[in-house]
Amino acid sequence: MEFEWDTAKEAENRRKHGVSFTAAAYALEDPRKIELIDDRFDYSEERIQSICAYRGTVLFVVSVMRSENLCRIISARKATRNEQNQYLQGGPLLA
């Protein structure tokens, strides 16, 4: 899988949330990740919410599949306590 992102957005995300999109890309490779399509708004694209882990930190990552092998990362942050519990229990993502 290949990953892409807006570099200015990644810098702002790192400043705001302390999470790099490089870490998010590695986390998205997590075989235990939990995914849900974000249909709260009409984004004009199918956004995927993922709870996944990288180096012992559970992250919440929003991404879009641009093609079968290309994923664009939109945002990433540390998971909330509820999201961490969902990940650790292997349960469904609660929006």
PDB file of N, CA and C in Angstrom:
ATOM      1  N   MET A   1       0.836  -1.177   0.000  1.00  0.00           N
ATOM      2  CA  MET A   1       0.000   0.000   0.000  1.00  0.00           C
ATOM      3  C   MET A   1       0.882   1.241   0.000  1.00  0.00           C
ATOM      4  N   GLU A   2       0.486   2.212  -0.795  1.00  0.00           N
ATOM      5  CA  GLU A   2       1.178   3.501  -0.822  1.00  0.00           C
ATOM      6  C   GLU A   2       0.301   4.538  -0.114  1.00  0.00           C
ATOM      7  N   PHE A   3       0.943   5.543   0.468  1.00  0.00           N
ATOM      8  CA  PHE A   3       0.228   6.572   1.199  1.00  0.00           C
ATOM      9  C   PHE A   3       0.645   7.937   0.682  1.00  0.00           C
ATOM     10  N   GLU A   4      -0.300   8.877   0.725  1.00  0.00           N
ATOM     11  CA  GLU A   4      -0.024  10.266   0.359  1.00  0.00           C
ATOM     12  C   GLU A   4      -0.772  11.171   1.325  1.00  0.00           C
ATOM     13  N   TRP A   5      -0.327  12.438   1.391  1.00  0.00           N
ATOM     14  CA  TRP A   5      -1.001  13.421   2.215  1.00  0.00           C
ATOM     15  C   TRP A   5      -0.520  14.796   1.842  1.00  0.00           C
ATOM     16  N   ASP A   6      -1.268  15.774   2.262  1.00  0.00           N
ATOM     17  CA  ASP A   6      -0.916  17.179   2.084  1.00  0.00           C
ATOM     18  C   ASP A   6       0.112  17.528   3.158  1.00  0.00           C
ATOM     19  N   THR A   7       1.276  18.001   2.763  1.00  0.00           N
ATOM     20  CA  THR A   7       2.353  18.249   3.723  1.00  0.00           C
ATOM     21  C   THR A   7       2.013  19.373   4.713  1.00  0.00           C
ATOM     22  N   ALA A   8       1.303  20.413   4.248  1.00  0.00           N
ATOM     23  CA  ALA A   8       0.911  21.489   5.158  1.00  0.00           C
ATOM     24  C   ALA A   8      -0.095  20.966   6.179  1.00  0.00           C
ATOM     25  N   LYS A   9      -1.024  20.146   5.739  1.00  0.00           N
ATOM     26  CA  LYS A   9      -2.014  19.545   6.647  1.00  0.00           C
ATOM     27  C   LYS A   9      -1.319  18.630   7.656  1.00  0.00           C
ATOM     28  N   GLU A  10      -0.310  17.890   7.216  1.00  0.00           N
ATOM     29  CA  GLU A  10       0.434  17.001   8.115  1.00  0.00           C
ATOM     30  C   GLU A  10       1.164  17.809   9.194  1.00  0.00           C
ATOM     31  N   ALA A  11       1.759  18.934   8.804  1.00  0.00           N
ATOM     32  CA  ALA A  11       2.461  19.781   9.780  1.00  0.00           C
ATOM     33  C   ALA A  11       1.475  20.342  10.803  1.00  0.00           C
ATOM     34  N   GLU A  12       0.313  20.776  10.348  1.00  0.00           N
ATOM     35  CA  GLU A  12      -0.712  21.295  11.256  1.00  0.00           C
ATOM     36  C   GLU A  12      -1.230  20.177  12.163  1.00  0.00           C
ATOM     37  N   ASN A  13      -1.405  18.975  11.626  1.00  0.00           N
ATOM     38  CA  ASN A  13      -1.869  17.837  12.407  1.00  0.00           C
ATOM     39  C   ASN A  13      -0.850  17.478  13.494  1.00  0.00           C
ATOM     40  N   ARG A  14       0.432  17.508  13.135  1.00  0.00           N
ATOM     41  CA  ARG A  14       1.483  17.212  14.132  1.00  0.00           C
ATOM     42  C   ARG A  14       1.496  18.254  15.242  1.00  0.00           C
ATOM     43  N   ARG A  15       1.325  19.519  14.862  1.00  0.00           N
ATOM     44  CA  ARG A  15       1.300  20.593  15.856  1.00  0.00           C
ATOM     45  C   ARG A  15       0.078  20.452  16.767  1.00  0.00           C
ATOM     46  N   LYS A  16      -1.072  20.174  16.189  1.00  0.00           N
ATOM     47  CA  LYS A  16      -2.319  20.121  16.945  1.00  0.00           C
ATOM     48  C   LYS A  16      -2.479  18.828  17.753  1.00  0.00           C
ATOM     49  N   HIS A  17      -2.122  17.677  17.145  1.00  0.00           N
ATOM     50  CA  HIS A  17      -2.389  16.376  17.771  1.00  0.00           C
ATOM     51  C   HIS A  17      -1.140  15.599  18.182  1.00  0.00           C
ATOM     52  N   GLY A  18       0.033  16.050  17.741  1.00  0.00           N
ATOM     53  CA  GLY A  18       1.257  15.351  18.102  1.00  0.00           C
ATOM     54  C   GLY A  18       1.438  14.019  17.401  1.00  0.00           C
ATOM     55  N   VAL A  19       0.758  13.847  16.263  1.00  0.00           N
ATOM     56  CA  VAL A  19       0.836  12.585  15.517  1.00  0.00           C
ATOM     57  C   VAL A  19       1.229  12.889  14.074  1.00  0.00           C
ATOM     58  N   SER A  20       2.294  12.243  13.594  1.00  0.00           N
ATOM     59  CA  SER A  20       2.710  12.431  12.207  1.00  0.00           C
ATOM     60  C   SER A  20       1.896  11.522  11.291  1.00  0.00           C
ATOM     61  N   PHE A  21       1.779  11.920  10.046  1.00  0.00           N
ATOM     62  CA  PHE A  21       1.080  11.069   9.082  1.00  0.00           C
ATOM     63  C   PHE A  21       1.924   9.849   8.727  1.00  0.00           C
ATOM     64  N   THR A  22       3.221   9.921   8.937  1.00  0.00           N
ATOM     65  CA  THR A  22       4.060   8.729   8.750  1.00  0.00           C
ATOM     66  C   THR A  22       3.674   7.670   9.772  1.00  0.00           C
ATOM     67  N   ALA A  23       3.505   8.072  11.031  1.00  0.00           N
ATOM     68  CA  ALA A  23       3.057   7.132  12.064  1.00  0.00           C
ATOM     69  C   ALA A  23       1.669   6.600  11.717  1.00  0.00           C
ATOM     70  N   ALA A  24       0.790   7.470  11.218  1.00  0.00           N
ATOM     71  CA  ALA A  24      -0.559   7.054  10.829  1.00  0.00           C
ATOM     72  C   ALA A  24      -0.504   6.016   9.706  1.00  0.00           C
ATOM     73  N   ALA A  25       0.396   6.217   8.752  1.00  0.00           N
ATOM     74  CA  ALA A  25       0.525   5.259   7.648  1.00  0.00           C
ATOM     75  C   ALA A  25       0.942   3.890   8.174  1.00  0.00           C
ATOM     76  N   TYR A  26       1.898   3.863   9.072  1.00  0.00           N
ATOM     77  CA  TYR A  26       2.300   2.583   9.672  1.00  0.00           C
ATOM     78  C   TYR A  26       1.140   1.956  10.448  1.00  0.00           C
ATOM     79  N   ALA A  27       0.393   2.786  11.186  1.00  0.00           N
ATOM     80  CA  ALA A  27      -0.732   2.274  11.959  1.00  0.00           C
ATOM     81  C   ALA A  27      -1.802   1.668  11.053  1.00  0.00           C
ATOM     82  N   LEU A  28      -2.015   2.255   9.893  1.00  0.00           N
ATOM     83  CA  LEU A  28      -3.025   1.733   8.972  1.00  0.00           C
ATOM     84  C   LEU A  28      -2.668   0.346   8.434  1.00  0.00           C
ATOM     85  N   GLU A  29      -1.434  -0.064   8.604  1.00  0.00           N
ATOM     86  CA  GLU A  29      -1.010  -1.408   8.199  1.00  0.00           C
ATOM     87  C   GLU A  29      -1.324  -2.440   9.292  1.00  0.00           C
ATOM     88  N   ASP A  30      -1.822  -1.985  10.431  1.00  0.00           N
ATOM     89  CA  ASP A  30      -2.135  -2.858  11.564  1.00  0.00           C
ATOM     90  C   ASP A  30      -3.219  -3.866  11.169  1.00  0.00           C
ATOM     91  N   PRO A  31      -2.926  -5.158  11.235  1.00  0.00           N
ATOM     92  CA  PRO A  31      -3.933  -6.155  10.859  1.00  0.00           C
ATOM     93  C   PRO A  31      -5.126  -6.214  11.814  1.00  0.00           C
ATOM     94  N   ARG A  32      -5.002  -5.633  13.006  1.00  0.00           N
ATOM     95  CA  ARG A  32      -6.104  -5.629  13.984  1.00  0.00           C
ATOM     96  C   ARG A  32      -6.953  -4.362  13.897  1.00  0.00           C
ATOM     97  N   LYS A  33      -6.691  -3.486  12.943  1.00  0.00           N
ATOM     98  CA  LYS A  33      -7.406  -2.209  12.891  1.00  0.00           C
ATOM     99  C   LYS A  33      -8.913  -2.418  12.747  1.00  0.00           C
ATOM    100  N   ILE A  34      -9.641  -1.464  13.283  1.00  0.00           N
ATOM    101  CA  ILE A  34     -11.100  -1.427  13.184  1.00  0.00           C
ATOM    102  C   ILE A  34     -11.431  -0.282  12.240  1.00  0.00           C
ATOM    103  N   GLU A  35     -12.304  -0.544  11.259  1.00  0.00           N
ATOM    104  CA  GLU A  35     -12.648   0.477  10.271  1.00  0.00           C
ATOM    105  C   GLU A  35     -14.148   0.690  10.185  1.00  0.00           C
ATOM    106  N   LEU A  36     -14.528   1.928   9.877  1.00  0.00           N
ATOM    107  CA  LEU A  36     -15.920   2.291   9.662  1.00  0.00           C
ATOM    108  C   LEU A  36     -15.969   3.397   8.620  1.00  0.00           C
ATOM    109  N   ILE A  37     -16.926   3.324   7.710  1.00  0.00           N
ATOM    110  CA  ILE A  37     -17.118   4.398   6.738  1.00  0.00           C
ATOM    111  C   ILE A  37     -17.769   5.576   7.467  1.00  0.00           C
ATOM    112  N   ASP A  38     -17.202   6.760   7.285  1.00  0.00           N
ATOM    113  CA  ASP A  38     -17.733   7.979   7.902  1.00  0.00           C
ATOM    114  C   ASP A  38     -18.794   8.561   6.972  1.00  0.00           C
ATOM    115  N   ASP A  39     -20.065   8.362   7.328  1.00  0.00           N
ATOM    116  CA  ASP A  39     -21.155   8.870   6.490  1.00  0.00           C
ATOM    117  C   ASP A  39     -21.947   9.983   7.189  1.00  0.00           C
ATOM    118  N   ARG A  40     -21.309  10.649   8.162  1.00  0.00           N
ATOM    119  CA  ARG A  40     -21.984  11.725   8.882  1.00  0.00           C
ATOM    120  C   ARG A  40     -22.275  12.927   7.997  1.00  0.00           C
ATOM    121  N   PHE A  41     -21.425  13.171   7.009  1.00  0.00           N
ATOM    122  CA  PHE A  41     -21.566  14.305   6.099  1.00  0.00           C
ATOM    123  C   PHE A  41     -21.322  13.826   4.677  1.00  0.00           C
ATOM    124  N   ASP A  42     -21.702  14.654   3.701  1.00  0.00           N
ATOM    125  CA  ASP A  42     -21.397  14.354   2.306  1.00  0.00           C
ATOM    126  C   ASP A  42     -20.040  14.984   1.991  1.00  0.00           C
ATOM    127  N   TYR A  43     -18.992  14.148   2.057  1.00  0.00           N
ATOM    128  CA  TYR A  43     -17.629  14.626   1.814  1.00  0.00           C
ATOM    129  C   TYR A  43     -17.268  14.582   0.334  1.00  0.00           C
ATOM    130  N   SER A  44     -18.150  14.051  -0.494  1.00  0.00           N
ATOM    131  CA  SER A  44     -17.925  13.813  -1.925  1.00  0.00           C
ATOM    132  C   SER A  44     -16.829  12.769  -2.156  1.00  0.00           C
ATOM    133  N   GLU A  45     -16.541  11.998  -1.118  1.00  0.00           N
ATOM    134  CA  GLU A  45     -15.607  10.883  -1.188  1.00  0.00           C
ATOM    135  C   GLU A  45     -15.892   9.973  -0.001  1.00  0.00           C
ATOM    136  N   GLU A  46     -15.496   8.727  -0.081  1.00  0.00           N
ATOM    137  CA  GLU A  46     -15.746   7.776   0.996  1.00  0.00           C
ATOM    138  C   GLU A  46     -14.602   7.839   2.009  1.00  0.00           C
ATOM    139  N   ARG A  47     -14.867   8.455   3.152  1.00  0.00           N
ATOM    140  CA  ARG A  47     -13.853   8.578   4.199  1.00  0.00           C
ATOM    141  C   ARG A  47     -13.946   7.394   5.150  1.00  0.00           C
ATOM    142  N   ILE A  48     -12.789   6.902   5.537  1.00  0.00           N
ATOM    143  CA  ILE A  48     -12.703   5.738   6.405  1.00  0.00           C
ATOM    144  C   ILE A  48     -12.118   6.170   7.740  1.00  0.00           C
ATOM    145  N   GLN A  49     -12.815   5.831   8.830  1.00  0.00           N
ATOM    146  CA  GLN A  49     -12.303   6.052  10.178  1.00  0.00           C
ATOM    147  C   GLN A  49     -11.679   4.743  10.637  1.00  0.00           C
ATOM    148  N   SER A  50     -10.450   4.812  11.102  1.00  0.00           N
ATOM    149  CA  SER A  50      -9.744   3.607  11.551  1.00  0.00           C
ATOM    150  C   SER A  50      -9.208   3.808  12.961  1.00  0.00           C
ATOM    151  N   ILE A  51      -9.349   2.783  13.769  1.00  0.00           N
ATOM    152  CA  ILE A  51      -8.655   2.729  15.052  1.00  0.00           C
ATOM    153  C   ILE A  51      -7.590   1.665  14.879  1.00  0.00           C
ATOM    154  N   CYS A  52      -6.334   2.065  15.042  1.00  0.00           N
ATOM    155  CA  CYS A  52      -5.219   1.162  14.778  1.00  0.00           C
ATOM    156  C   CYS A  52      -4.044   1.569  15.663  1.00  0.00           C
ATOM    157  N   ALA A  53      -3.046   0.719  15.732  1.00  0.00           N
ATOM    158  CA  ALA A  53      -1.936   0.980  16.646  1.00  0.00           C
ATOM    159  C   ALA A  53      -0.600   0.989  15.921  1.00  0.00           C
ATOM    160  N   TYR A  54       0.307   1.806  16.451  1.00  0.00           N
ATOM    161  CA  TYR A  54       1.686   1.869  15.976  1.00  0.00           C
ATOM    162  C   TYR A  54       2.577   2.144  17.171  1.00  0.00           C
ATOM    163  N   ARG A  55       3.558   1.275  17.367  1.00  0.00           N
ATOM    164  CA  ARG A  55       4.525   1.418  18.464  1.00  0.00           C
ATOM    165  C   ARG A  55       3.854   1.621  19.818  1.00  0.00           C
ATOM    166  N   GLY A  56       2.813   0.836  20.077  1.00  0.00           N
ATOM    167  CA  GLY A  56       2.164   0.855  21.381  1.00  0.00           C
ATOM    168  C   GLY A  56       1.172   1.977  21.607  1.00  0.00           C
ATOM    169  N   THR A  57       0.934   2.815  20.600  1.00  0.00           N
ATOM    170  CA  THR A  57      -0.029   3.909  20.728  1.00  0.00           C
ATOM    171  C   THR A  57      -1.218   3.629  19.821  1.00  0.00           C
ATOM    172  N   VAL A  58      -2.407   3.705  20.387  1.00  0.00           N
ATOM    173  CA  VAL A  58      -3.621   3.510  19.589  1.00  0.00           C
ATOM    174  C   VAL A  58      -4.006   4.855  18.984  1.00  0.00           C
ATOM    175  N   LEU A  59      -4.205   4.855  17.669  1.00  0.00           N
ATOM    176  CA  LEU A  59      -4.513   6.077  16.924  1.00  0.00           C
ATOM    177  C   LEU A  59      -5.888   6.003  16.284  1.00  0.00           C
ATOM    178  N   PHE A  60      -6.470   7.163  16.031  1.00  0.00           N
ATOM    179  CA  PHE A  60      -7.702   7.303  15.259  1.00  0.00           C
ATOM    180  C   PHE A  60      -7.302   8.029  13.980  1.00  0.00           C
ATOM    181  N   VAL A  61      -7.444   7.363  12.838  1.00  0.00           N
ATOM    182  CA  VAL A  61      -6.973   7.898  11.561  1.00  0.00           C
ATOM    183  C   VAL A  61      -8.144   7.991  10.587  1.00  0.00           C
ATOM    184  N   VAL A  62      -8.236   9.114   9.893  1.00  0.00           N
ATOM    185  CA  VAL A  62      -9.228   9.285   8.835  1.00  0.00           C
ATOM    186  C   VAL A  62      -8.480   9.285   7.515  1.00  0.00           C
ATOM    187  N   SER A  63      -8.972   8.475   6.575  1.00  0.00           N
ATOM    188  CA  SER A  63      -8.292   8.348   5.288  1.00  0.00           C
ATOM    189  C   SER A  63      -9.301   8.142   4.162  1.00  0.00           C
ATOM    190  N   VAL A  64      -8.805   8.209   2.943  1.00  0.00           N
ATOM    191  CA  VAL A  64      -9.592   7.993   1.730  1.00  0.00           C
ATOM    192  C   VAL A  64      -8.773   7.101   0.812  1.00  0.00           C
ATOM    193  N   MET A  65      -9.409   6.086   0.251  1.00  0.00           N
ATOM    194  CA  MET A  65      -8.728   5.252  -0.733  1.00  0.00           C
ATOM    195  C   MET A  65      -8.846   5.939  -2.095  1.00  0.00           C
ATOM    196  N   ARG A  66      -7.717   6.311  -2.665  1.00  0.00           N
ATOM    197  CA  ARG A  66      -7.695   6.962  -3.979  1.00  0.00           C
ATOM    198  C   ARG A  66      -7.726   5.928  -5.105  1.00  0.00           C
ATOM    199  N   SER A  67      -7.140   4.782  -4.831  1.00  0.00           N
ATOM    200  CA  SER A  67      -7.177   3.651  -5.765  1.00  0.00           C
ATOM    201  C   SER A  67      -6.959   2.399  -4.927  1.00  0.00           C
ATOM    202  N   GLU A  68      -6.886   1.272  -5.569  1.00  0.00           N
ATOM    203  CA  GLU A  68      -6.724   0.013  -4.837  1.00  0.00           C
ATOM    204  C   GLU A  68      -5.481   0.008  -3.959  1.00  0.00           C
ATOM    205  N   ASN A  69      -4.425   0.693  -4.398  1.00  0.00           N
ATOM    206  CA  ASN A  69      -3.157   0.668  -3.661  1.00  0.00           C
ATOM    207  C   ASN A  69      -2.692   2.034  -3.170  1.00  0.00           C
ATOM    208  N   LEU A  70      -3.567   3.039  -3.230  1.00  0.00           N
ATOM    209  CA  LEU A  70      -3.168   4.383  -2.802  1.00  0.00           C
ATOM    210  C   LEU A  70      -4.163   4.928  -1.787  1.00  0.00           C
ATOM    211  N   CYS A  71      -3.654   5.240  -0.603  1.00  0.00           N
ATOM    212  CA  CYS A  71      -4.464   5.749   0.503  1.00  0.00           C
ATOM    213  C   CYS A  71      -4.006   7.164   0.836  1.00  0.00           C
ATOM    214  N   ARG A  72      -4.955   8.100   0.893  1.00  0.00           N
ATOM    215  CA  ARG A  72      -4.644   9.479   1.288  1.00  0.00           C
ATOM    216  C   ARG A  72      -5.063   9.664   2.739  1.00  0.00           C
ATOM    217  N   ILE A  73      -4.125  10.104   3.564  1.00  0.00           N
ATOM    218  CA  ILE A  73      -4.401  10.341   4.977  1.00  0.00           C
ATOM    219  C   ILE A  73      -4.929  11.769   5.141  1.00  0.00           C
ATOM    220  N   ILE A  74      -6.063  11.878   5.824  1.00  0.00           N
ATOM    221  CA  ILE A  74      -6.722  13.168   6.036  1.00  0.00           C
ATOM    222  C   ILE A  74      -6.365  13.734   7.411  1.00  0.00           C
ATOM    223  N   SER A  75      -6.420  12.895   8.441  1.00  0.00           N
ATOM    224  CA  SER A  75      -6.090  13.342   9.796  1.00  0.00           C
ATOM    225  C   SER A  75      -5.722  12.147  10.665  1.00  0.00           C
ATOM    226  N   ALA A  76      -5.058  12.439  11.771  1.00  0.00           N
ATOM    227  CA  ALA A  76      -4.661  11.393  12.725  1.00  0.00           C
ATOM    228  C   ALA A  76      -4.490  12.025  14.097  1.00  0.00           C
ATOM    229  N   ARG A  77      -4.959  11.288  15.090  1.00  0.00           N
ATOM    230  CA  ARG A  77      -4.811  11.740  16.473  1.00  0.00           C
ATOM    231  C   ARG A  77      -4.724  10.512  17.369  1.00  0.00           C
ATOM    232  N   LYS A  78      -4.335  10.732  18.611  1.00  0.00           N
ATOM    233  CA  LYS A  78      -4.365   9.638  19.574  1.00  0.00           C
ATOM    234  C   LYS A  78      -5.825   9.290  19.836  1.00  0.00           C
ATOM    235  N   ALA A  79      -6.103   8.014  19.972  1.00  0.00           N
ATOM    236  CA  ALA A  79      -7.467   7.557  20.214  1.00  0.00           C
ATOM    237  C   ALA A  79      -7.948   7.981  21.587  1.00  0.00           C
ATOM    238  N   THR A  80      -9.248   8.230  21.690  1.00  0.00           N
ATOM    239  CA  THR A  80      -9.838   8.529  22.996  1.00  0.00           C
ATOM    240  C   THR A  80      -9.841   7.243  23.827  1.00  0.00           C
ATOM    241  N   ARG A  81     -10.139   7.371  25.088  1.00  0.00           N
ATOM    242  CA  ARG A  81     -10.188   6.192  25.964  1.00  0.00           C
ATOM    243  C   ARG A  81     -11.214   5.183  25.445  1.00  0.00           C
ATOM    244  N   ASN A  82     -12.392   5.660  25.029  1.00  0.00           N
ATOM    245  CA  ASN A  82     -13.428   4.783  24.492  1.00  0.00           C
ATOM    246  C   ASN A  82     -12.929   4.067  23.232  1.00  0.00           C
ATOM    247  N   GLU A  83     -12.282   4.799  22.346  1.00  0.00           N
ATOM    248  CA  GLU A  83     -11.744   4.196  21.115  1.00  0.00           C
ATOM    249  C   GLU A  83     -10.646   3.189  21.435  1.00  0.00           C
ATOM    250  N   GLN A  84      -9.801   3.501  22.409  1.00  0.00           N
ATOM    251  CA  GLN A  84      -8.764   2.553  22.828  1.00  0.00           C
ATOM    252  C   GLN A  84      -9.396   1.269  23.349  1.00  0.00           C
ATOM    253  N   ASN A  85     -10.439   1.404  24.164  1.00  0.00           N
ATOM    254  CA  ASN A  85     -11.128   0.222  24.689  1.00  0.00           C
ATOM    255  C   ASN A  85     -11.739  -0.603  23.572  1.00  0.00           C
ATOM    256  N   GLN A  86     -12.356   0.059  22.596  1.00  0.00           N
ATOM    257  CA  GLN A  86     -12.925  -0.657  21.452  1.00  0.00           C
ATOM    258  C   GLN A  86     -11.840  -1.440  20.722  1.00  0.00           C
ATOM    259  N   TYR A  87     -10.686  -0.806  20.534  1.00  0.00           N
ATOM    260  CA  TYR A  87      -9.574  -1.473  19.843  1.00  0.00           C
ATOM    261  C   TYR A  87      -9.081  -2.670  20.649  1.00  0.00           C
ATOM    262  N   LEU A  88      -8.877  -2.475  21.937  1.00  0.00           N
ATOM    263  CA  LEU A  88      -8.341  -3.546  22.775  1.00  0.00           C
ATOM    264  C   LEU A  88      -9.319  -4.706  22.908  1.00  0.00           C
ATOM    265  N   GLN A  89     -10.618  -4.407  22.824  1.00  0.00           N
ATOM    266  CA  GLN A  89     -11.626  -5.462  22.898  1.00  0.00           C
ATOM    267  C   GLN A  89     -11.928  -6.062  21.522  1.00  0.00           C
ATOM    268  N   GLY A  90     -11.376  -5.455  20.475  1.00  0.00           N
ATOM    269  CA  GLY A  90     -11.605  -5.957  19.123  1.00  0.00           C
ATOM    270  C   GLY A  90     -13.032  -5.768  18.657  1.00  0.00           C
ATOM    271  N   GLY A  91     -13.722  -4.807  19.276  1.00  0.00           N
ATOM    272  CA  GLY A  91     -15.132  -4.577  18.969  1.00  0.00           C
ATOM    273  C   GLY A  91     -15.334  -3.590  17.854  1.00  0.00           C
ATOM    274  N   PRO A  92     -16.605  -3.343  17.515  1.00  0.00           N
ATOM    275  CA  PRO A  92     -16.920  -2.408  16.446  1.00  0.00           C
ATOM    276  C   PRO A  92     -16.622  -0.972  16.858  1.00  0.00           C
ATOM    277  N   LEU A  93     -16.298  -0.164  15.867  1.00  0.00           N
ATOM    278  CA  LEU A  93     -16.041   1.251  16.097  1.00  0.00           C
ATOM    279  C   LEU A  93     -17.357   1.961  16.380  1.00  0.00           C
ATOM    280  N   LEU A  94     -17.392   2.714  17.445  1.00  0.00           N
ATOM    281  CA  LEU A  94     -18.567   3.513  17.762  1.00  0.00           C
ATOM    282  C   LEU A  94     -18.326   4.932  17.321  1.00  0.00           C
ATOM    283  N   ALA A  95     -19.151   5.412  16.408  1.00  0.00           N
ATOM    284  CA  ALA A  95     -18.970   6.761  15.853  1.00  0.00           C
ATOM    285  C   ALA A  95     -19.395   7.824  16.850  1.00  0.00           C
TER     286      ALA A  95
END
